[in-house]
Protein backbone atom coordinates (compact mmCIF):
# COMPACT_ATOMS: atom_id res chain seq x y z
CA UNK A 1 88.49 105.85 116.08
CA UNK A 2 91.67 103.78 115.60
CA UNK A 3 92.47 102.63 112.08
CA UNK A 4 95.13 100.57 110.35
CA UNK A 5 96.20 101.60 106.86
CA UNK A 6 98.49 99.40 104.76
CA UNK A 7 99.92 100.80 101.55
CA UNK A 8 102.62 100.16 98.98
CA UNK A 9 104.40 102.77 96.88
CA UNK A 10 107.31 102.81 94.48
CA UNK A 11 110.39 104.96 94.95
CA UNK A 12 111.16 107.29 92.06
CA UNK A 13 114.82 106.28 92.36
CA UNK A 14 116.93 103.79 94.34
CA UNK A 15 117.19 104.71 98.02
CA UNK A 16 120.48 104.05 99.82
CA UNK A 17 120.63 102.82 103.41
CA UNK A 18 121.60 106.22 104.86
CA UNK A 19 118.53 107.82 103.21
CA UNK A 20 116.31 105.09 104.62
CA UNK A 21 117.67 105.73 108.10
CA UNK A 22 116.95 109.46 107.69
CA UNK A 23 113.40 108.73 106.48
CA UNK A 24 112.94 106.48 109.49
CA UNK A 25 114.21 109.10 111.96
CA UNK A 26 111.85 111.75 110.57
CA UNK A 27 108.92 109.30 110.56
CA UNK A 28 109.55 108.23 114.14
CA UNK A 29 109.54 111.83 115.39
CA UNK A 30 106.33 112.69 113.57
CA UNK A 31 104.64 109.41 114.45
CA UNK A 32 105.52 109.86 118.10
CA UNK A 33 103.97 113.36 118.13
CA UNK A 34 100.80 112.03 116.49
CA UNK A 35 100.67 108.70 118.40
CA UNK A 36 100.93 106.71 115.15
CA UNK A 37 102.62 103.31 115.18
CA UNK A 38 103.54 100.87 112.45
CA UNK A 39 106.22 99.23 110.37
CA UNK A 40 108.11 100.24 107.23
CA UNK A 41 109.58 97.70 104.81
CA UNK A 42 111.71 98.64 101.82
CA UNK A 43 112.64 96.24 99.05
CA UNK A 44 113.48 96.55 95.39
CA UNK A 45 112.47 100.18 95.22
CA UNK A 46 109.14 99.63 96.95
CA UNK A 47 107.92 100.86 100.31
CA UNK A 48 105.45 98.70 102.22
CA UNK A 49 104.05 100.40 105.29
CA UNK A 50 101.49 99.90 108.03
CA UNK A 51 100.24 102.98 109.88
CA UNK A 52 98.05 102.68 112.98
CA UNK A 53 96.43 105.42 115.03
CA UNK A 54 93.57 107.88 115.10
CA UNK A 55 92.04 108.15 111.64
CA UNK A 56 92.82 111.87 111.17
CA UNK A 57 96.48 111.37 112.15
CA UNK A 58 97.00 108.29 109.97
CA UNK A 59 95.35 109.91 106.95
CA UNK A 60 97.36 113.12 107.47
CA UNK A 61 100.61 111.14 107.41
CA UNK A 62 99.52 109.00 104.46
CA UNK A 63 98.53 112.04 102.36
CA UNK A 64 101.93 113.62 103.04
CA UNK A 65 103.65 110.40 101.96
CA UNK A 66 101.47 110.03 98.86
CA UNK A 67 102.26 113.62 97.88
CA UNK A 68 106.01 113.22 98.43
CA UNK A 69 107.89 113.38 95.10
CA UNK A 70 110.09 110.46 96.23
CA UNK A 71 107.02 108.17 95.95
CA UNK A 72 104.93 107.28 92.95
CA UNK A 73 101.86 105.16 92.44
CA UNK A 74 100.83 104.73 96.08
CA UNK A 75 98.20 102.02 96.54
CA UNK A 76 96.18 101.54 99.72
CA UNK A 77 95.97 97.79 100.23
CA UNK A 78 93.66 97.99 103.21
CA UNK A 79 92.18 100.56 105.53
CA UNK A 80 90.16 99.31 108.47
CA UNK A 81 88.91 100.25 111.88
CA UNK A 82 90.77 98.38 114.65
CA UNK A 83 90.21 97.82 118.34
CA UNK A 84 93.90 97.38 119.13
CA UNK A 85 97.24 97.99 117.47
CA UNK A 86 99.32 95.21 115.98
CA UNK A 87 102.42 97.46 116.06
CA UNK A 88 101.70 99.31 119.28
CA UNK A 89 105.23 99.08 120.64
CA UNK A 90 106.85 100.85 117.68
CA UNK A 91 106.64 104.45 116.54
CA UNK A 92 107.94 102.87 113.34
CA UNK A 93 109.56 99.48 113.09
CA UNK A 94 111.80 99.09 110.09
CA UNK A 95 113.26 96.42 107.89
CA UNK A 96 115.42 96.94 104.80
CA UNK A 97 114.69 93.73 102.98
CA UNK A 98 117.32 94.07 100.24
CA UNK A 99 120.69 92.58 101.02
CA UNK A 100 123.93 91.63 99.37
CA UNK A 101 123.59 88.14 100.88
CA UNK A 102 122.85 85.28 98.48
CA UNK A 103 119.20 85.27 99.52
CA UNK A 104 118.31 82.09 97.65
CA UNK A 105 120.66 80.18 99.93
CA UNK A 106 118.69 81.30 103.00
CA UNK A 107 116.22 78.91 104.60
CA UNK A 108 112.64 79.86 103.76
CA UNK A 109 113.61 82.50 101.21
CA UNK A 110 110.62 83.76 99.20
CA UNK A 111 111.06 85.55 95.87
CA UNK A 112 107.76 87.42 96.31
CA UNK A 113 109.39 90.82 96.90
CA UNK A 114 111.89 90.33 94.06
CA UNK A 115 109.23 90.38 91.36
CA UNK A 116 108.55 93.48 89.30
CA UNK A 117 104.83 93.47 89.99
CA UNK A 118 102.53 95.65 87.86
CA UNK A 119 100.44 98.18 89.78
CA UNK A 120 97.12 96.42 89.13
CA UNK A 121 98.45 93.15 90.56
CA UNK A 122 98.98 94.65 94.04
CA UNK A 123 95.26 94.77 94.81
CA UNK A 124 94.94 91.11 93.81
CA UNK A 125 97.65 90.03 96.28
CA UNK A 126 96.94 92.51 99.07
CA UNK A 127 96.25 89.78 101.63
CA UNK A 128 99.56 88.06 100.80
CA UNK A 129 101.44 91.33 101.26
CA UNK A 130 99.70 92.02 104.56
CA UNK A 131 100.51 88.50 105.79
CA UNK A 132 104.14 89.05 104.80
CA UNK A 133 104.28 92.31 106.76
CA UNK A 134 102.98 90.53 109.86
CA UNK A 135 105.67 87.87 109.41
CA UNK A 136 108.29 90.62 109.48
CA UNK A 137 106.71 92.03 112.63
CA UNK A 138 106.98 88.67 114.32
CA UNK A 139 110.70 88.39 113.53
CA UNK A 140 111.71 91.86 114.79
């Protein structure tokens, strides 16, 4: 059974670009071995990730992530059975959302990811976060 799991977690400390690239390289190797696809977004100390694949493989990866001391307060936004992958072409697409650019001067800039959102608010806005992730997919 194929599933899609979308979660958000908070980094225990700021992650620099080189660390993100290393995380991505490790994730791509593992995901490729387990036929898991998805996308990873990082912004303001938060990881937003979609994992797609066989249920056992996706849950195995998620439990490793949730148990990683670099993450705290992981929240599953959605977990559902799927008939096809939305991120099937990527062992792990990636977007580092933070930038030194004056973001507010960019067309269509949204401050959604800039907010310091309390844990309990994530479940209330899960659909908005999922929609945002799909928007990133469509721009990659």
